[in-house]
PDB file of N, CA and C in Angstrom:
ATOM      1  N   MET A   1       4.764  18.788  -2.971  1.00  0.00           N
ATOM      2  CA  MET A   1       4.002  17.880  -3.792  1.00  0.00           C
ATOM      3  C   MET A   1       4.743  16.545  -3.876  1.00  0.00           C
ATOM      4  N   MET A   2       4.031  15.457  -3.674  1.00  0.00           N
ATOM      5  CA  MET A   2       4.627  14.134  -3.708  1.00  0.00           C
ATOM      6  C   MET A   2       4.552  13.577  -5.120  1.00  0.00           C
ATOM      7  N   SER A   3       5.599  12.862  -5.516  1.00  0.00           N
ATOM      8  CA  SER A   3       5.569  12.230  -6.827  1.00  0.00           C
ATOM      9  C   SER A   3       4.869  10.886  -6.734  1.00  0.00           C
ATOM     10  N   ASP A   4       4.497  10.327  -7.885  1.00  0.00           N
ATOM     11  CA  ASP A   4       3.866   9.014  -7.913  1.00  0.00           C
ATOM     12  C   ASP A   4       4.794   7.933  -7.395  1.00  0.00           C
ATOM     13  N   ASP A   5       6.127   8.164  -7.440  1.00  0.00           N
ATOM     14  CA  ASP A   5       7.091   7.194  -6.942  1.00  0.00           C
ATOM     15  C   ASP A   5       7.002   7.036  -5.433  1.00  0.00           C
ATOM     16  N   SER A   6       6.426   8.006  -4.736  1.00  0.00           N
ATOM     17  CA  SER A   6       6.362   7.955  -3.288  1.00  0.00           C
ATOM     18  C   SER A   6       5.100   7.255  -2.769  1.00  0.00           C
ATOM     19  N   ARG A   7       4.237   6.828  -3.651  1.00  0.00           N
ATOM     20  CA  ARG A   7       3.028   6.147  -3.190  1.00  0.00           C
ATOM     21  C   ARG A   7       3.203   4.640  -3.263  1.00  0.00           C
ATOM     22  N   LEU A   8       2.487   3.931  -2.403  1.00  0.00           N
ATOM     23  CA  LEU A   8       2.533   2.472  -2.400  1.00  0.00           C
ATOM     24  C   LEU A   8       1.629   1.882  -3.458  1.00  0.00           C
ATOM     25  N   GLY A   9       0.515   2.512  -3.669  1.00  0.00           N
ATOM     26  CA  GLY A   9      -0.471   2.016  -4.617  1.00  0.00           C
ATOM     27  C   GLY A   9      -1.838   2.562  -4.271  1.00  0.00           C
ATOM     28  N   VAL A  10      -2.847   1.870  -4.761  1.00  0.00           N
ATOM     29  CA  VAL A  10      -4.233   2.303  -4.588  1.00  0.00           C
ATOM     30  C   VAL A  10      -4.985   1.255  -3.782  1.00  0.00           C
ATOM     31  N   CYS A  11      -5.855   1.717  -2.896  1.00  0.00           N
ATOM     32  CA  CYS A  11      -6.692   0.817  -2.108  1.00  0.00           C
ATOM     33  C   CYS A  11      -7.664   0.091  -3.029  1.00  0.00           C
ATOM     34  N   PRO A  12      -7.691  -1.244  -2.986  1.00  0.00           N
ATOM     35  CA  PRO A  12      -8.630  -1.980  -3.834  1.00  0.00           C
ATOM     36  C   PRO A  12     -10.093  -1.818  -3.399  1.00  0.00           C
ATOM     37  N   ASN A  13     -10.313  -1.320  -2.182  1.00  0.00           N
ATOM     38  CA  ASN A  13     -11.680  -1.140  -1.678  1.00  0.00           C
ATOM     39  C   ASN A  13     -12.287   0.206  -2.057  1.00  0.00           C
ATOM     40  N   CYS A  14     -11.502   1.287  -1.863  1.00  0.00           N
ATOM     41  CA  CYS A  14     -12.078   2.619  -2.071  1.00  0.00           C
ATOM     42  C   CYS A  14     -11.357   3.450  -3.125  1.00  0.00           C
ATOM     43  N   GLY A  15     -10.203   2.973  -3.628  1.00  0.00           N
ATOM     44  CA  GLY A  15      -9.502   3.684  -4.686  1.00  0.00           C
ATOM     45  C   GLY A  15      -8.597   4.812  -4.228  1.00  0.00           C
ATOM     46  N   HIS A  16      -8.444   4.998  -2.914  1.00  0.00           N
ATOM     47  CA  HIS A  16      -7.606   6.067  -2.367  1.00  0.00           C
ATOM     48  C   HIS A  16      -6.131   5.693  -2.494  1.00  0.00           C
ATOM     49  N   ASP A  17      -5.269   6.677  -2.798  1.00  0.00           N
ATOM     50  CA  ASP A  17      -3.827   6.436  -2.837  1.00  0.00           C
ATOM     51  C   ASP A  17      -3.296   6.149  -1.434  1.00  0.00           C
ATOM     52  N   THR A  18      -2.366   5.199  -1.353  1.00  0.00           N
ATOM     53  CA  THR A  18      -1.679   4.930  -0.092  1.00  0.00           C
ATOM     54  C   THR A  18      -0.236   5.378  -0.219  1.00  0.00           C
ATOM     55  N   GLN A  19       0.304   5.915   0.858  1.00  0.00           N
ATOM     56  CA  GLN A  19       1.651   6.465   0.905  1.00  0.00           C
ATOM     57  C   GLN A  19       2.538   5.575   1.789  1.00  0.00           C
ATOM     58  N   PRO A  20       3.849   5.747   1.705  1.00  0.00           N
ATOM     59  CA  PRO A  20       4.746   4.954   2.550  1.00  0.00           C
ATOM     60  C   PRO A  20       4.432   5.040   4.050  1.00  0.00           C
ATOM     61  N   ILE A  21       3.910   6.144   4.513  1.00  0.00           N
ATOM     62  CA  ILE A  21       3.560   6.295   5.928  1.00  0.00           C
ATOM     63  C   ILE A  21       2.460   5.315   6.338  1.00  0.00           C
ATOM     64  N   ASP A  22       1.678   4.809   5.382  1.00  0.00           N
ATOM     65  CA  ASP A  22       0.572   3.891   5.655  1.00  0.00           C
ATOM     66  C   ASP A  22       1.015   2.431   5.726  1.00  0.00           C
ATOM     67  N   GLU A  23       2.270   2.156   5.369  1.00  0.00           N
ATOM     68  CA  GLU A  23       2.792   0.786   5.336  1.00  0.00           C
ATOM     69  C   GLU A  23       2.843   0.179   6.738  1.00  0.00           C
ATOM     70  N   LEU A  24       2.378  -1.054   6.839  1.00  0.00           N
ATOM     71  CA  LEU A  24       2.417  -1.782   8.110  1.00  0.00           C
ATOM     72  C   LEU A  24       3.528  -2.827   8.115  1.00  0.00           C
ATOM     73  N   ILE A  25       3.661  -3.565   7.015  1.00  0.00           N
ATOM     74  CA  ILE A  25       4.655  -4.626   6.939  1.00  0.00           C
ATOM     75  C   ILE A  25       5.058  -4.858   5.483  1.00  0.00           C
ATOM     76  N   THR A  26       6.328  -5.181   5.298  1.00  0.00           N
ATOM     77  CA  THR A  26       6.855  -5.584   3.999  1.00  0.00           C
ATOM     78  C   THR A  26       7.314  -7.018   4.135  1.00  0.00           C
ATOM     79  N   TYR A  27       7.055  -7.834   3.126  1.00  0.00           N
ATOM     80  CA  TYR A  27       7.427  -9.249   3.202  1.00  0.00           C
ATOM     81  C   TYR A  27       7.880  -9.747   1.843  1.00  0.00           C
ATOM     82  N   GLU A  28       8.590 -10.860   1.838  1.00  0.00           N
ATOM     83  CA  GLU A  28       9.027 -11.476   0.590  1.00  0.00           C
ATOM     84  C   GLU A  28       8.090 -12.613   0.251  1.00  0.00           C
ATOM     85  N   ARG A  29       7.549 -12.585  -0.956  1.00  0.00           N
ATOM     86  CA  ARG A  29       6.653 -13.638  -1.436  1.00  0.00           C
ATOM     87  C   ARG A  29       7.467 -14.847  -1.877  1.00  0.00           C
ATOM     88  N   SER A  30       6.818 -15.975  -2.088  1.00  0.00           N
ATOM     89  CA  SER A  30       7.497 -17.204  -2.496  1.00  0.00           C
ATOM     90  C   SER A  30       8.182 -17.072  -3.851  1.00  0.00           C
ATOM     91  N   ASP A  31       7.740 -16.114  -4.675  1.00  0.00           N
ATOM     92  CA  ASP A  31       8.376 -15.904  -5.979  1.00  0.00           C
ATOM     93  C   ASP A  31       9.473 -14.838  -5.918  1.00  0.00           C
ATOM     94  N   SER A  32       9.906 -14.493  -4.696  1.00  0.00           N
ATOM     95  CA  SER A  32      10.993 -13.542  -4.412  1.00  0.00           C
ATOM     96  C   SER A  32      10.651 -12.084  -4.698  1.00  0.00           C
ATOM     97  N   THR A  33       9.389 -11.754  -4.971  1.00  0.00           N
ATOM     98  CA  THR A  33       8.989 -10.363  -5.098  1.00  0.00           C
ATOM     99  C   THR A  33       8.628  -9.841  -3.709  1.00  0.00           C
ATOM    100  N   ILE A  34       8.559  -8.532  -3.583  1.00  0.00           N
ATOM    101  CA  ILE A  34       8.251  -7.896  -2.305  1.00  0.00           C
ATOM    102  C   ILE A  34       6.771  -7.540  -2.250  1.00  0.00           C
ATOM    103  N   GLY A  35       6.132  -7.891  -1.151  1.00  0.00           N
ATOM    104  CA  GLY A  35       4.736  -7.546  -0.922  1.00  0.00           C
ATOM    105  C   GLY A  35       4.626  -6.554   0.224  1.00  0.00           C
ATOM    106  N   VAL A  36       3.537  -5.831   0.266  1.00  0.00           N
ATOM    107  CA  VAL A  36       3.315  -4.810   1.294  1.00  0.00           C
ATOM    108  C   VAL A  36       1.870  -4.894   1.773  1.00  0.00           C
ATOM    109  N   PHE A  37       1.689  -4.803   3.068  1.00  0.00           N
ATOM    110  CA  PHE A  37       0.363  -4.588   3.632  1.00  0.00           C
ATOM    111  C   PHE A  37       0.363  -3.188   4.227  1.00  0.00           C
ATOM    112  N   ALA A  38      -0.737  -2.483   4.045  1.00  0.00           N
ATOM    113  CA  ALA A  38      -0.866  -1.108   4.506  1.00  0.00           C
ATOM    114  C   ALA A  38      -2.259  -0.881   5.057  1.00  0.00           C
ATOM    115  N   GLU A  39      -2.397   0.187   5.815  1.00  0.00           N
ATOM    116  CA  GLU A  39      -3.712   0.604   6.283  1.00  0.00           C
ATOM    117  C   GLU A  39      -4.155   1.772   5.425  1.00  0.00           C
ATOM    118  N   CYS A  40      -5.288   1.627   4.778  1.00  0.00           N
ATOM    119  CA  CYS A  40      -5.809   2.701   3.941  1.00  0.00           C
ATOM    120  C   CYS A  40      -6.217   3.880   4.823  1.00  0.00           C
ATOM    121  N   PRO A  41      -5.696   5.073   4.547  1.00  0.00           N
ATOM    122  CA  PRO A  41      -6.050   6.233   5.370  1.00  0.00           C
ATOM    123  C   PRO A  41      -7.493   6.702   5.174  1.00  0.00           C
ATOM    124  N   ALA A  42      -8.111   6.293   4.088  1.00  0.00           N
ATOM    125  CA  ALA A  42      -9.486   6.731   3.804  1.00  0.00           C
ATOM    126  C   ALA A  42     -10.524   5.809   4.430  1.00  0.00           C
ATOM    127  N   CYS A  43     -10.393   4.487   4.208  1.00  0.00           N
ATOM    128  CA  CYS A  43     -11.423   3.567   4.702  1.00  0.00           C
ATOM    129  C   CYS A  43     -10.983   2.772   5.934  1.00  0.00           C
ATOM    130  N   GLY A  44      -9.681   2.811   6.272  1.00  0.00           N
ATOM    131  CA  GLY A  44      -9.198   2.157   7.481  1.00  0.00           C
ATOM    132  C   GLY A  44      -8.966   0.670   7.360  1.00  0.00           C
ATOM    133  N   GLU A  45      -9.166   0.103   6.170  1.00  0.00           N
ATOM    134  CA  GLU A  45      -8.976  -1.337   5.971  1.00  0.00           C
ATOM    135  C   GLU A  45      -7.498  -1.681   5.812  1.00  0.00           C
ATOM    136  N   ILE A  46      -7.119  -2.894   6.207  1.00  0.00           N
ATOM    137  CA  ILE A  46      -5.787  -3.413   5.942  1.00  0.00           C
ATOM    138  C   ILE A  46      -5.816  -3.968   4.530  1.00  0.00           C
ATOM    139  N   ILE A  47      -4.901  -3.498   3.692  1.00  0.00           N
ATOM    140  CA  ILE A  47      -4.953  -3.809   2.260  1.00  0.00           C
ATOM    141  C   ILE A  47      -3.603  -4.237   1.719  1.00  0.00           C
ATOM    142  N   ASP A  48      -3.635  -4.830   0.538  1.00  0.00           N
ATOM    143  CA  ASP A  48      -2.467  -5.082  -0.292  1.00  0.00           C
ATOM    144  C   ASP A  48      -2.621  -4.104  -1.450  1.00  0.00           C
ATOM    145  N   PRO A  49      -1.956  -2.924  -1.380  1.00  0.00           N
ATOM    146  CA  PRO A  49      -2.170  -1.886  -2.386  1.00  0.00           C
ATOM    147  C   PRO A  49      -1.928  -2.390  -3.807  1.00  0.00           C
ATOM    148  N   GLU A  50      -2.773  -1.936  -4.722  1.00  0.00           N
ATOM    149  CA  GLU A  50      -2.656  -2.322  -6.136  1.00  0.00           C
ATOM    150  C   GLU A  50      -1.839  -1.306  -6.879  1.00  0.00           C
TER     151      GLU A  50
END
């Protein structure tokens, strides 16, 4: 069983949980926070998990 700490977030399109395996790229935003783009395993869209 995976803990909530192991998920990236939720797809803003379909609400499905995204996991670290779905991560495509990690980047640093201009405010020095870390952003992530992932592919949703449910709908296949490239997303910024919420």
